[in-house]
């Protein structure tokens, strides 16, 4: 099975061959490195940009205006703060032109903690991204979803930001991407560049992957239960499923665990119907507390489903600190861990009505 980052690479290759991708670019995106996380190794349209995030997003907009279909990368989402104004402009264009001027940009960027990246490589970006009206925002938690979301993002006429949870990039999927070889070593031999001098002469042998689209705005119920609804995405989603399995085995508590996948637009009918069944609600993410995206979901749940709740709705989030510390103890204490998720889910399910 492919890892999440291999799935992104396969999707970009499919996009080049079948969906009209004209350019894949960013800092170190082209040869020989193929991206700091190797998401773009071997792609025929990949090229290196200067170390200039403003130039990257501005170039992507220019390519889109000229009829191209670019995929650009901001090497770490932390450097998206340099270009908030230009991302706002990109989000305005199709709306202000009454749909006459498509802006089919895909901006992918690694987000979140989990690799001990310290202050400048560990931010979560979804709270900022979802404020950018005109953009669609997705964040996969599995390899197959990464593949399907990327293909949908490539074809969308609006700018789409693909937030890639860096802690999950090397995690293998449990579902096969259509057309990928079953043997993971065979896939590695085909599409992973060798380390060292041999990389300069290497060319990939791409498998004949097939189309698979995850519609933007469609969530996925990954566990089913009755005691509470838990909504998450990205790095926190596997912790929620692990906690759900553990609480079911140890205490008989069962949960609807929803992988949001698409943060905007998001699958409100899936969330609503689950809460109408369970009467309890918890959002889990690793972004900082203040103006957290989970607070928006909390507000909507309270406004629209207040009288259907049987316990207070909750959000579990990271601490409101300027950055994630390099020391492992700092990182562990600044974003939710499995123990925190277990407590939050147990409390949500067992609070007296």
C-alpha atoms as a PDB file:
ATOM      1  CA  UNK A   1       0.000   0.000   0.000  1.00  0.00           C
ATOM      2  CA  UNK A   2       1.176   3.517  -0.775  1.00  0.00           C
ATOM      3  CA  UNK A   3       2.114   5.976   1.922  1.00  0.00           C
ATOM      4  CA  UNK A   4       0.231   9.257   2.026  1.00  0.00           C
ATOM      5  CA  UNK A   5       3.077  11.138   0.340  1.00  0.00           C
ATOM      6  CA  UNK A   6       3.381   8.463  -2.365  1.00  0.00           C
ATOM      7  CA  UNK A   7      -0.358   8.845  -2.952  1.00  0.00           C
ATOM      8  CA  UNK A   8       0.068  12.576  -3.495  1.00  0.00           C
ATOM      9  CA  UNK A   9       2.862  11.879  -5.991  1.00  0.00           C
ATOM     10  CA  UNK A  10       0.723   9.344  -7.858  1.00  0.00           C
ATOM     11  CA  UNK A  11      -2.156  11.820  -7.988  1.00  0.00           C
ATOM     12  CA  UNK A  12       0.070  14.545  -9.405  1.00  0.00           C
ATOM     13  CA  UNK A  13       1.376  12.134 -12.024  1.00  0.00           C
ATOM     14  CA  UNK A  14      -2.190  11.204 -12.978  1.00  0.00           C
ATOM     15  CA  UNK A  15      -2.989  14.917 -13.096  1.00  0.00           C
ATOM     16  CA  UNK A  16      -0.126  15.552 -15.510  1.00  0.00           C
ATOM     17  CA  UNK A  17      -1.153  12.718 -17.798  1.00  0.00           C
ATOM     18  CA  UNK A  18      -4.938  13.025 -17.743  1.00  0.00           C
ATOM     19  CA  UNK A  19      -6.240  16.178 -16.021  1.00  0.00           C
ATOM     20  CA  UNK A  20      -4.264  18.946 -17.680  1.00  0.00           C
ATOM     21  CA  UNK A  21      -1.768  19.846 -14.948  1.00  0.00           C
ATOM     22  CA  UNK A  22       0.696  22.193 -16.644  1.00  0.00           C
ATOM     23  CA  UNK A  23       3.128  23.052 -13.841  1.00  0.00           C
ATOM     24  CA  UNK A  24       4.156  21.614 -10.481  1.00  0.00           C
ATOM     25  CA  UNK A  25       6.518  24.020  -8.745  1.00  0.00           C
ATOM     26  CA  UNK A  26       7.880  25.455  -5.519  1.00  0.00           C
ATOM     27  CA  UNK A  27      11.052  25.496  -3.454  1.00  0.00           C
ATOM     28  CA  UNK A  28      13.062  22.285  -4.156  1.00  0.00           C
ATOM     29  CA  UNK A  29       9.984  20.775  -5.839  1.00  0.00           C
ATOM     30  CA  UNK A  30      11.838  19.918  -9.056  1.00  0.00           C
ATOM     31  CA  UNK A  31      14.825  17.639  -9.522  1.00  0.00           C
ATOM     32  CA  UNK A  32      16.957  16.462  -7.912  1.00  0.00           C
ATOM     33  CA  UNK A  33      15.136  16.645  -4.543  1.00  0.00           C
ATOM     34  CA  UNK A  34      11.496  16.373  -5.571  1.00  0.00           C
ATOM     35  CA  UNK A  35      10.218  18.280  -2.562  1.00  0.00           C
ATOM     36  CA  UNK A  36      11.364  18.283   1.047  1.00  0.00           C
ATOM     37  CA  UNK A  37       8.953  15.374   1.710  1.00  0.00           C
ATOM     38  CA  UNK A  38       9.490  13.852  -1.788  1.00  0.00           C
ATOM     39  CA  UNK A  39       5.900  14.550  -2.880  1.00  0.00           C
ATOM     40  CA  UNK A  40       6.999  15.620  -6.377  1.00  0.00           C
ATOM     41  CA  UNK A  41       9.818  13.228  -7.287  1.00  0.00           C
ATOM     42  CA  UNK A  42       9.898  12.205 -10.930  1.00  0.00           C
ATOM     43  CA  UNK A  43       7.097  14.463 -12.156  1.00  0.00           C
ATOM     44  CA  UNK A  44       7.667  15.714 -15.683  1.00  0.00           C
ATOM     45  CA  UNK A  45       6.239  19.210 -15.090  1.00  0.00           C
ATOM     46  CA  UNK A  46       8.004  19.809 -11.741  1.00  0.00           C
ATOM     47  CA  UNK A  47      10.416  22.721 -11.501  1.00  0.00           C
ATOM     48  CA  UNK A  48      12.207  24.689  -8.802  1.00  0.00           C
ATOM     49  CA  UNK A  49      11.142  28.207  -7.913  1.00  0.00           C
ATOM     50  CA  UNK A  50      13.205  30.806  -6.092  1.00  0.00           C
ATOM     51  CA  UNK A  51      12.882  30.867  -2.309  1.00  0.00           C
ATOM     52  CA  UNK A  52       9.990  33.314  -2.502  1.00  0.00           C
ATOM     53  CA  UNK A  53       6.484  32.387  -1.361  1.00  0.00           C
ATOM     54  CA  UNK A  54       5.011  35.576  -2.825  1.00  0.00           C
ATOM     55  CA  UNK A  55       6.532  34.707  -6.168  1.00  0.00           C
ATOM     56  CA  UNK A  56       5.145  31.174  -5.965  1.00  0.00           C
ATOM     57  CA  UNK A  57       1.514  32.169  -5.415  1.00  0.00           C
ATOM     58  CA  UNK A  58       1.781  35.104  -7.828  1.00  0.00           C
ATOM     59  CA  UNK A  59       3.194  32.840 -10.536  1.00  0.00           C
ATOM     60  CA  UNK A  60       0.443  30.290  -9.924  1.00  0.00           C
ATOM     61  CA  UNK A  61      -2.187  32.992 -10.388  1.00  0.00           C
ATOM     62  CA  UNK A  62      -0.519  34.130 -13.621  1.00  0.00           C
ATOM     63  CA  UNK A  63      -0.416  30.588 -15.007  1.00  0.00           C
ATOM     64  CA  UNK A  64      -4.100  30.113 -14.121  1.00  0.00           C
ATOM     65  CA  UNK A  65      -5.072  33.428 -15.739  1.00  0.00           C
ATOM     66  CA  UNK A  66      -3.293  32.277 -18.904  1.00  0.00           C
ATOM     67  CA  UNK A  67      -5.307  29.060 -19.036  1.00  0.00           C
ATOM     68  CA  UNK A  68      -2.912  26.712 -17.250  1.00  0.00           C
ATOM     69  CA  UNK A  69      -3.639  24.381 -14.376  1.00  0.00           C
ATOM     70  CA  UNK A  70      -0.817  24.780 -11.827  1.00  0.00           C
ATOM     71  CA  UNK A  71      -0.024  22.923  -8.620  1.00  0.00           C
ATOM     72  CA  UNK A  72       2.287  24.913  -6.366  1.00  0.00           C
ATOM     73  CA  UNK A  73       3.785  24.103  -3.000  1.00  0.00           C
ATOM     74  CA  UNK A  74       4.581  26.236   0.019  1.00  0.00           C
ATOM     75  CA  UNK A  75       7.309  24.126   1.610  1.00  0.00           C
ATOM     76  CA  UNK A  76       5.815  24.453   5.113  1.00  0.00           C
ATOM     77  CA  UNK A  77       2.480  26.062   5.943  1.00  0.00           C
ATOM     78  CA  UNK A  78       4.254  28.328   8.433  1.00  0.00           C
ATOM     79  CA  UNK A  79       5.431  30.381   5.445  1.00  0.00           C
ATOM     80  CA  UNK A  80       1.897  30.831   4.227  1.00  0.00           C
ATOM     81  CA  UNK A  81       1.733  33.746   6.635  1.00  0.00           C
ATOM     82  CA  UNK A  82       3.972  35.603   4.160  1.00  0.00           C
ATOM     83  CA  UNK A  83       1.276  35.514   1.480  1.00  0.00           C
ATOM     84  CA  UNK A  84      -2.086  35.833   3.217  1.00  0.00           C
ATOM     85  CA  UNK A  85      -2.862  38.964   1.186  1.00  0.00           C
ATOM     86  CA  UNK A  86      -2.156  37.261  -2.140  1.00  0.00           C
ATOM     87  CA  UNK A  87      -4.169  34.200  -1.142  1.00  0.00           C
ATOM     88  CA  UNK A  88      -7.043  36.567  -0.390  1.00  0.00           C
ATOM     89  CA  UNK A  89      -6.696  38.045  -3.894  1.00  0.00           C
ATOM     90  CA  UNK A  90      -6.667  34.563  -5.448  1.00  0.00           C
ATOM     91  CA  UNK A  91      -9.856  33.704  -3.579  1.00  0.00           C
ATOM     92  CA  UNK A  92     -11.577  36.876  -4.808  1.00  0.00           C
ATOM     93  CA  UNK A  93     -11.045  36.418  -8.524  1.00  0.00           C
ATOM     94  CA  UNK A  94     -13.655  33.938  -9.688  1.00  0.00           C
ATOM     95  CA  UNK A  95     -16.314  35.426  -7.410  1.00  0.00           C
ATOM     96  CA  UNK A  96     -15.639  39.039  -8.392  1.00  0.00           C
ATOM     97  CA  UNK A  97     -15.687  38.062 -12.083  1.00  0.00           C
ATOM     98  CA  UNK A  98     -19.088  36.352 -11.751  1.00  0.00           C
ATOM     99  CA  UNK A  99     -17.484  33.019 -12.592  1.00  0.00           C
ATOM    100  CA  UNK A 100     -15.976  34.287 -15.837  1.00  0.00           C
ATOM    101  CA  UNK A 101     -12.351  33.897 -14.741  1.00  0.00           C
ATOM    102  CA  UNK A 102     -11.497  30.437 -13.367  1.00  0.00           C
ATOM    103  CA  UNK A 103      -8.684  30.224 -10.834  1.00  0.00           C
ATOM    104  CA  UNK A 104      -7.756  26.494 -10.885  1.00  0.00           C
ATOM    105  CA  UNK A 105      -4.826  26.695  -8.476  1.00  0.00           C
ATOM    106  CA  UNK A 106      -3.898  23.826  -6.197  1.00  0.00           C
ATOM    107  CA  UNK A 107      -1.727  25.010  -3.320  1.00  0.00           C
ATOM    108  CA  UNK A 108      -0.362  22.129  -1.270  1.00  0.00           C
ATOM    109  CA  UNK A 109       1.508  22.622   1.969  1.00  0.00           C
ATOM    110  CA  UNK A 110       2.504  20.424   4.944  1.00  0.00           C
ATOM    111  CA  UNK A 111       0.688  21.374   8.140  1.00  0.00           C
ATOM    112  CA  UNK A 112       0.762  20.508  11.816  1.00  0.00           C
ATOM    113  CA  UNK A 113       3.201  19.038  14.311  1.00  0.00           C
ATOM    114  CA  UNK A 114       4.577  15.585  14.909  1.00  0.00           C
ATOM    115  CA  UNK A 115       8.041  15.748  13.338  1.00  0.00           C
ATOM    116  CA  UNK A 116       9.743  17.931  15.952  1.00  0.00           C
ATOM    117  CA  UNK A 117       9.893  20.818  13.508  1.00  0.00           C
ATOM    118  CA  UNK A 118      10.048  23.485  16.217  1.00  0.00           C
ATOM    119  CA  UNK A 119       8.650  27.004  15.943  1.00  0.00           C
ATOM    120  CA  UNK A 120       8.877  27.551  12.181  1.00  0.00           C
ATOM    121  CA  UNK A 121       7.836  24.131  10.878  1.00  0.00           C
ATOM    122  CA  UNK A 122       5.007  23.018  13.180  1.00  0.00           C
ATOM    123  CA  UNK A 123       2.079  25.409  12.805  1.00  0.00           C
ATOM    124  CA  UNK A 124      -1.418  24.282  11.951  1.00  0.00           C
ATOM    125  CA  UNK A 125      -2.945  26.407   9.218  1.00  0.00           C
ATOM    126  CA  UNK A 126      -6.595  25.410   8.936  1.00  0.00           C
ATOM    127  CA  UNK A 127      -7.873  28.238  11.139  1.00  0.00           C
ATOM    128  CA  UNK A 128      -6.294  30.773   8.782  1.00  0.00           C
ATOM    129  CA  UNK A 129      -7.065  28.863   5.598  1.00  0.00           C
ATOM    130  CA  UNK A 130     -10.782  28.510   6.264  1.00  0.00           C
ATOM    131  CA  UNK A 131     -11.080  32.295   6.657  1.00  0.00           C
ATOM    132  CA  UNK A 132      -9.977  32.770   3.042  1.00  0.00           C
ATOM    133  CA  UNK A 133     -13.314  33.140   1.285  1.00  0.00           C
ATOM    134  CA  UNK A 134     -13.222  31.761  -2.246  1.00  0.00           C
ATOM    135  CA  UNK A 135     -10.816  28.935  -1.393  1.00  0.00           C
ATOM    136  CA  UNK A 136     -11.689  25.305  -0.832  1.00  0.00           C
ATOM    137  CA  UNK A 137      -9.681  23.617   1.920  1.00  0.00           C
ATOM    138  CA  UNK A 138      -9.013  19.898   2.295  1.00  0.00           C
ATOM    139  CA  UNK A 139      -6.929  17.816   4.696  1.00  0.00           C
ATOM    140  CA  UNK A 140      -6.639  14.047   4.183  1.00  0.00           C
ATOM    141  CA  UNK A 141      -5.808  11.520   6.863  1.00  0.00           C
ATOM    142  CA  UNK A 142      -5.310   8.470   4.606  1.00  0.00           C
ATOM    143  CA  UNK A 143      -3.377   7.735   1.434  1.00  0.00           C
ATOM    144  CA  UNK A 144      -6.471   6.890  -0.625  1.00  0.00           C
ATOM    145  CA  UNK A 145      -8.221  10.092   0.462  1.00  0.00           C
ATOM    146  CA  UNK A 146      -5.083  12.098  -0.338  1.00  0.00           C
ATOM    147  CA  UNK A 147      -5.142  10.653  -3.855  1.00  0.00           C
ATOM    148  CA  UNK A 148      -8.859  11.262  -4.362  1.00  0.00           C
ATOM    149  CA  UNK A 149      -8.907  14.739  -2.852  1.00  0.00           C
ATOM    150  CA  UNK A 150      -5.915  15.815  -4.924  1.00  0.00           C
ATOM    151  CA  UNK A 151      -7.582  14.707  -8.163  1.00  0.00           C
ATOM    152  CA  UNK A 152     -10.758  16.599  -7.237  1.00  0.00           C
ATOM    153  CA  UNK A 153      -8.704  19.660  -6.307  1.00  0.00           C
ATOM    154  CA  UNK A 154      -6.912  19.635  -9.674  1.00  0.00           C
ATOM    155  CA  UNK A 155     -10.199  19.733 -11.602  1.00  0.00           C
ATOM    156  CA  UNK A 156     -11.897  22.388  -9.454  1.00  0.00           C
ATOM    157  CA  UNK A 157     -12.142  25.855 -11.070  1.00  0.00           C
ATOM    158  CA  UNK A 158     -11.562  27.522  -7.683  1.00  0.00           C
ATOM    159  CA  UNK A 159      -8.304  27.723  -5.745  1.00  0.00           C
ATOM    160  CA  UNK A 160      -7.948  24.683  -3.491  1.00  0.00           C
ATOM    161  CA  UNK A 161      -5.540  24.378  -0.573  1.00  0.00           C
ATOM    162  CA  UNK A 162      -4.415  20.846   0.247  1.00  0.00           C
ATOM    163  CA  UNK A 163      -3.120  20.737   3.819  1.00  0.00           C
ATOM    164  CA  UNK A 164      -0.925  17.662   4.233  1.00  0.00           C
ATOM    165  CA  UNK A 165      -0.497  16.392   7.827  1.00  0.00           C
ATOM    166  CA  UNK A 166       3.260  15.987   8.015  1.00  0.00           C
ATOM    167  CA  UNK A 167       3.148  13.402  10.790  1.00  0.00           C
ATOM    168  CA  UNK A 168       1.116  11.095   8.504  1.00  0.00           C
ATOM    169  CA  UNK A 169       3.075  11.515   5.272  1.00  0.00           C
ATOM    170  CA  UNK A 170       5.037   8.270   5.772  1.00  0.00           C
ATOM    171  CA  UNK A 171       2.044   6.275   7.049  1.00  0.00           C
ATOM    172  CA  UNK A 172       0.867   3.499   4.731  1.00  0.00           C
ATOM    173  CA  UNK A 173      -2.741   3.348   3.708  1.00  0.00           C
ATOM    174  CA  UNK A 174      -5.029   0.424   4.412  1.00  0.00           C
ATOM    175  CA  UNK A 175      -6.868   0.737   1.085  1.00  0.00           C
ATOM    176  CA  UNK A 176      -5.252   0.345  -2.306  1.00  0.00           C
ATOM    177  CA  UNK A 177      -5.109   3.196  -4.781  1.00  0.00           C
ATOM    178  CA  UNK A 178      -6.668   1.941  -8.037  1.00  0.00           C
ATOM    179  CA  UNK A 179      -3.858   0.660 -10.239  1.00  0.00           C
ATOM    180  CA  UNK A 180      -1.033   0.712  -7.700  1.00  0.00           C
ATOM    181  CA  UNK A 181       0.979  -2.511  -7.331  1.00  0.00           C
ATOM    182  CA  UNK A 182       0.039  -4.605  -4.316  1.00  0.00           C
ATOM    183  CA  UNK A 183       3.657  -5.025  -3.214  1.00  0.00           C
ATOM    184  CA  UNK A 184       4.891  -1.914  -1.392  1.00  0.00           C
ATOM    185  CA  UNK A 185       8.520  -2.683  -2.261  1.00  0.00           C
ATOM    186  CA  UNK A 186       7.599  -2.811  -5.930  1.00  0.00           C
ATOM    187  CA  UNK A 187       5.915   0.586  -5.686  1.00  0.00           C
ATOM    188  CA  UNK A 188       8.957   2.020  -3.913  1.00  0.00           C
ATOM    189  CA  UNK A 189      11.236   0.671  -6.637  1.00  0.00           C
ATOM    190  CA  UNK A 190       9.019   2.264  -9.291  1.00  0.00           C
ATOM    191  CA  UNK A 191       8.462   5.775  -7.938  1.00  0.00           C
ATOM    192  CA  UNK A 192      10.907   6.517  -5.076  1.00  0.00           C
ATOM    193  CA  UNK A 193      14.158   8.093  -6.230  1.00  0.00           C
ATOM    194  CA  UNK A 194      17.385   6.530  -4.933  1.00  0.00           C
ATOM    195  CA  UNK A 195      19.506   8.406  -2.416  1.00  0.00           C
ATOM    196  CA  UNK A 196      22.880   9.746  -3.526  1.00  0.00           C
ATOM    197  CA  UNK A 197      24.530  10.283  -6.880  1.00  0.00           C
ATOM    198  CA  UNK A 198      22.317   7.724  -8.646  1.00  0.00           C
ATOM    199  CA  UNK A 199      19.360  10.095  -8.268  1.00  0.00           C
ATOM    200  CA  UNK A 200      20.606  12.338 -11.075  1.00  0.00           C
ATOM    201  CA  UNK A 201      20.085   9.637 -13.718  1.00  0.00           C
ATOM    202  CA  UNK A 202      16.935   8.113 -12.223  1.00  0.00           C
ATOM    203  CA  UNK A 203      13.574   8.110 -13.967  1.00  0.00           C
ATOM    204  CA  UNK A 204      10.361   6.725 -12.449  1.00  0.00           C
ATOM    205  CA  UNK A 205       8.360   3.808 -13.846  1.00  0.00           C
ATOM    206  CA  UNK A 206       4.851   4.969 -13.101  1.00  0.00           C
ATOM    207  CA  UNK A 207       2.133   2.403 -12.418  1.00  0.00           C
ATOM    208  CA  UNK A 208      -1.053   2.714 -14.456  1.00  0.00           C
ATOM    209  CA  UNK A 209      -3.112   4.331 -11.713  1.00  0.00           C
ATOM    210  CA  UNK A 210      -6.791   4.949 -12.342  1.00  0.00           C
ATOM    211  CA  UNK A 211      -9.112   7.854 -11.554  1.00  0.00           C
ATOM    212  CA  UNK A 212     -10.558   8.013  -8.066  1.00  0.00           C
ATOM    213  CA  UNK A 213     -12.250  11.189  -6.892  1.00  0.00           C
ATOM    214  CA  UNK A 214     -13.236  12.170  -3.357  1.00  0.00           C
ATOM    215  CA  UNK A 215     -15.808  14.958  -3.810  1.00  0.00           C
ATOM    216  CA  UNK A 216     -14.857  18.192  -2.078  1.00  0.00           C
ATOM    217  CA  UNK A 217     -17.263  18.763   0.788  1.00  0.00           C
ATOM    218  CA  UNK A 218     -17.943  15.093   1.520  1.00  0.00           C
ATOM    219  CA  UNK A 219     -16.922  13.655   4.894  1.00  0.00           C
ATOM    220  CA  UNK A 220     -16.518  10.007   5.828  1.00  0.00           C
ATOM    221  CA  UNK A 221     -17.914   8.163   8.850  1.00  0.00           C
ATOM    222  CA  UNK A 222     -14.991   5.904   9.822  1.00  0.00           C
ATOM    223  CA  UNK A 223     -16.488   4.473  13.028  1.00  0.00           C
ATOM    224  CA  UNK A 224     -20.164   4.074  13.893  1.00  0.00           C
ATOM    225  CA  UNK A 225     -21.675   4.307  17.332  1.00  0.00           C
ATOM    226  CA  UNK A 226     -24.348   5.814  19.527  1.00  0.00           C
ATOM    227  CA  UNK A 227     -22.731   7.459  22.567  1.00  0.00           C
ATOM    228  CA  UNK A 228     -21.243  10.598  20.936  1.00  0.00           C
ATOM    229  CA  UNK A 229     -20.272  12.218  17.636  1.00  0.00           C
ATOM    230  CA  UNK A 230     -16.561  12.965  17.181  1.00  0.00           C
ATOM    231  CA  UNK A 231     -15.406  15.112  14.251  1.00  0.00           C
ATOM    232  CA  UNK A 232     -11.756  15.335  13.278  1.00  0.00           C
ATOM    233  CA  UNK A 233      -9.348  15.389  10.323  1.00  0.00           C
ATOM    234  CA  UNK A 234      -5.666  15.111   9.473  1.00  0.00           C
ATOM    235  CA  UNK A 235      -3.238  13.954  12.141  1.00  0.00           C
ATOM    236  CA  UNK A 236      -5.844  13.764  14.914  1.00  0.00           C
ATOM    237  CA  UNK A 237      -8.199  11.462  13.018  1.00  0.00           C
ATOM    238  CA  UNK A 238      -6.177   8.252  13.629  1.00  0.00           C
ATOM    239  CA  UNK A 239      -5.991   9.120  17.327  1.00  0.00           C
ATOM    240  CA  UNK A 240      -9.773   9.442  17.428  1.00  0.00           C
ATOM    241  CA  UNK A 241     -10.310   6.074  15.765  1.00  0.00           C
ATOM    242  CA  UNK A 242      -7.761   4.461  18.078  1.00  0.00           C
ATOM    243  CA  UNK A 243      -9.484   5.991  21.094  1.00  0.00           C
ATOM    244  CA  UNK A 244     -12.904   4.887  19.816  1.00  0.00           C
ATOM    245  CA  UNK A 245     -11.722   1.304  19.425  1.00  0.00           C
ATOM    246  CA  UNK A 246     -10.142   1.311  22.876  1.00  0.00           C
ATOM    247  CA  UNK A 247     -13.202   2.781  24.603  1.00  0.00           C
ATOM    248  CA  UNK A 248     -15.487   0.332  22.827  1.00  0.00           C
ATOM    249  CA  UNK A 249     -13.354  -2.618  23.941  1.00  0.00           C
ATOM    250  CA  UNK A 250     -12.829  -1.448  27.528  1.00  0.00           C
ATOM    251  CA  UNK A 251     -16.072   0.361  28.434  1.00  0.00           C
ATOM    252  CA  UNK A 252     -18.602  -0.471  25.748  1.00  0.00           C
ATOM    253  CA  UNK A 253     -18.763   3.152  24.574  1.00  0.00           C
ATOM    254  CA  UNK A 254     -19.302   3.548  20.831  1.00  0.00           C
ATOM    255  CA  UNK A 255     -18.786   6.657  18.717  1.00  0.00           C
ATOM    256  CA  UNK A 256     -19.642   8.077  15.354  1.00  0.00           C
ATOM    257  CA  UNK A 257     -16.150   9.196  14.254  1.00  0.00           C
ATOM    258  CA  UNK A 258     -16.327  11.493  11.241  1.00  0.00           C
ATOM    259  CA  UNK A 259     -13.304  12.269   9.099  1.00  0.00           C
ATOM    260  CA  UNK A 260     -14.165  15.704   7.769  1.00  0.00           C
ATOM    261  CA  UNK A 261     -11.628  15.432   4.876  1.00  0.00           C
ATOM    262  CA  UNK A 262     -12.892  18.711   3.427  1.00  0.00           C
ATOM    263  CA  UNK A 263     -12.830  21.677   5.800  1.00  0.00           C
ATOM    264  CA  UNK A 264     -14.515  24.034   3.384  1.00  0.00           C
ATOM    265  CA  UNK A 265     -16.981  23.245   2.116  1.00  0.00           C
ATOM    266  CA  UNK A 266     -17.673  20.707   4.853  1.00  0.00           C
ATOM    267  CA  UNK A 267     -20.260  17.967   5.188  1.00  0.00           C
ATOM    268  CA  UNK A 268     -22.797  19.557   7.507  1.00  0.00           C
ATOM    269  CA  UNK A 269     -25.555  17.008   6.735  1.00  0.00           C
ATOM    270  CA  UNK A 270     -23.273  14.173   7.884  1.00  0.00           C
ATOM    271  CA  UNK A 271     -22.429  16.015  11.115  1.00  0.00           C
ATOM    272  CA  UNK A 272     -26.026  17.066  11.756  1.00  0.00           C
ATOM    273  CA  UNK A 273     -27.510  13.620  11.214  1.00  0.00           C
ATOM    274  CA  UNK A 274     -24.932  12.055  13.514  1.00  0.00           C
ATOM    275  CA  UNK A 275     -25.641  14.541  16.314  1.00  0.00           C
ATOM    276  CA  UNK A 276     -29.371  13.961  15.950  1.00  0.00           C
ATOM    277  CA  UNK A 277     -28.598  10.286  16.620  1.00  0.00           C
ATOM    278  CA  UNK A 278     -26.120  10.670  19.509  1.00  0.00           C
ATOM    279  CA  UNK A 279     -27.059  14.005  21.119  1.00  0.00           C
ATOM    280  CA  UNK A 280     -23.375  14.647  21.950  1.00  0.00           C
ATOM    281  CA  UNK A 281     -20.600  16.396  20.011  1.00  0.00           C
ATOM    282  CA  UNK A 282     -16.809  16.709  20.176  1.00  0.00           C
ATOM    283  CA  UNK A 283     -14.363  18.286  17.676  1.00  0.00           C
ATOM    284  CA  UNK A 284     -10.690  17.272  17.874  1.00  0.00           C
ATOM    285  CA  UNK A 285      -7.837  19.071  16.138  1.00  0.00           C
ATOM    286  CA  UNK A 286      -4.296  20.229  16.917  1.00  0.00           C
ATOM    287  CA  UNK A 287      -4.632  23.919  16.022  1.00  0.00           C
ATOM    288  CA  UNK A 288      -4.349  26.508  18.781  1.00  0.00           C
ATOM    289  CA  UNK A 289      -7.364  27.353  20.904  1.00  0.00           C
ATOM    290  CA  UNK A 290      -8.292  30.924  19.984  1.00  0.00           C
ATOM    291  CA  UNK A 291     -10.279  31.259  16.710  1.00  0.00           C
ATOM    292  CA  UNK A 292      -9.891  27.543  16.151  1.00  0.00           C
ATOM    293  CA  UNK A 293     -11.828  26.109  13.177  1.00  0.00           C
ATOM    294  CA  UNK A 294     -13.538  23.760  15.635  1.00  0.00           C
ATOM    295  CA  UNK A 295     -15.096  26.809  17.300  1.00  0.00           C
ATOM    296  CA  UNK A 296     -16.996  27.524  14.086  1.00  0.00           C
ATOM    297  CA  UNK A 297     -18.429  24.001  14.089  1.00  0.00           C
ATOM    298  CA  UNK A 298     -19.267  24.371  17.781  1.00  0.00           C
ATOM    299  CA  UNK A 299     -21.124  27.623  17.128  1.00  0.00           C
ATOM    300  CA  UNK A 300     -23.142  26.090  14.302  1.00  0.00           C
ATOM    301  CA  UNK A 301     -24.038  23.041  16.372  1.00  0.00           C
ATOM    302  CA  UNK A 302     -25.251  25.282  19.209  1.00  0.00           C
ATOM    303  CA  UNK A 303     -27.252  27.542  16.903  1.00  0.00           C
ATOM    304  CA  UNK A 304     -28.926  24.835  14.842  1.00  0.00           C
ATOM    305  CA  UNK A 305     -29.050  21.811  17.146  1.00  0.00           C
ATOM    306  CA  UNK A 306     -29.134  23.248  20.671  1.00  0.00           C
ATOM    307  CA  UNK A 307     -32.386  21.542  21.665  1.00  0.00           C
ATOM    308  CA  UNK A 308     -31.193  18.211  20.245  1.00  0.00           C
ATOM    309  CA  UNK A 309     -28.103  18.103  22.475  1.00  0.00           C
ATOM    310  CA  UNK A 310     -28.198  16.134  25.716  1.00  0.00           C
ATOM    311  CA  UNK A 311     -24.769  17.315  26.945  1.00  0.00           C
ATOM    312  CA  UNK A 312     -22.535  20.295  26.308  1.00  0.00           C
ATOM    313  CA  UNK A 313     -20.657  20.257  22.977  1.00  0.00           C
ATOM    314  CA  UNK A 314     -16.867  20.322  23.235  1.00  0.00           C
ATOM    315  CA  UNK A 315     -13.663  21.136  21.354  1.00  0.00           C
ATOM    316  CA  UNK A 316     -10.262  19.561  22.053  1.00  0.00           C
ATOM    317  CA  UNK A 317      -7.444  21.672  20.637  1.00  0.00           C
ATOM    318  CA  UNK A 318      -3.801  22.669  21.044  1.00  0.00           C
ATOM    319  CA  UNK A 319      -2.570  25.217  23.538  1.00  0.00           C
ATOM    320  CA  UNK A 320      -2.599  28.882  22.515  1.00  0.00           C
ATOM    321  CA  UNK A 321       1.183  29.320  22.270  1.00  0.00           C
ATOM    322  CA  UNK A 322       3.267  31.099  19.592  1.00  0.00           C
ATOM    323  CA  UNK A 323       4.813  27.871  18.316  1.00  0.00           C
ATOM    324  CA  UNK A 324       5.600  24.250  19.033  1.00  0.00           C
ATOM    325  CA  UNK A 325       8.793  23.725  21.002  1.00  0.00           C
ATOM    326  CA  UNK A 326      11.602  21.562  19.607  1.00  0.00           C
ATOM    327  CA  UNK A 327      11.947  19.504  22.765  1.00  0.00           C
ATOM    328  CA  UNK A 328       9.775  16.386  22.612  1.00  0.00           C
ATOM    329  CA  UNK A 329       8.198  17.236  25.966  1.00  0.00           C
ATOM    330  CA  UNK A 330       7.114  20.626  24.643  1.00  0.00           C
ATOM    331  CA  UNK A 331       5.573  19.206  21.481  1.00  0.00           C
ATOM    332  CA  UNK A 332       3.797  16.464  23.434  1.00  0.00           C
ATOM    333  CA  UNK A 333       2.322  18.926  25.910  1.00  0.00           C
ATOM    334  CA  UNK A 334       1.298  21.562  23.383  1.00  0.00           C
ATOM    335  CA  UNK A 335      -0.922  19.481  21.085  1.00  0.00           C
ATOM    336  CA  UNK A 336      -3.424  16.728  21.989  1.00  0.00           C
ATOM    337  CA  UNK A 337      -2.090  13.203  22.415  1.00  0.00           C
ATOM    338  CA  UNK A 338      -3.954   9.879  22.604  1.00  0.00           C
ATOM    339  CA  UNK A 339      -4.426  10.190  26.368  1.00  0.00           C
ATOM    340  CA  UNK A 340      -6.064  13.610  25.913  1.00  0.00           C
ATOM    341  CA  UNK A 341      -8.347  12.290  23.181  1.00  0.00           C
ATOM    342  CA  UNK A 342      -9.389   9.335  25.342  1.00  0.00           C
ATOM    343  CA  UNK A 343     -10.357  11.628  28.217  1.00  0.00           C
ATOM    344  CA  UNK A 344     -12.249  14.053  25.963  1.00  0.00           C
ATOM    345  CA  UNK A 345     -14.186  11.287  24.214  1.00  0.00           C
ATOM    346  CA  UNK A 346     -15.022   9.497  27.466  1.00  0.00           C
ATOM    347  CA  UNK A 347     -16.226  12.739  29.051  1.00  0.00           C
ATOM    348  CA  UNK A 348     -18.329  13.628  26.002  1.00  0.00           C
ATOM    349  CA  UNK A 349     -19.978  10.213  26.040  1.00  0.00           C
ATOM    350  CA  UNK A 350     -20.612   9.927  29.787  1.00  0.00           C
ATOM    351  CA  UNK A 351     -21.506  13.427  31.011  1.00  0.00           C
ATOM    352  CA  UNK A 352     -24.903  13.301  32.715  1.00  0.00           C
ATOM    353  CA  UNK A 353     -27.699  14.521  30.479  1.00  0.00           C
END
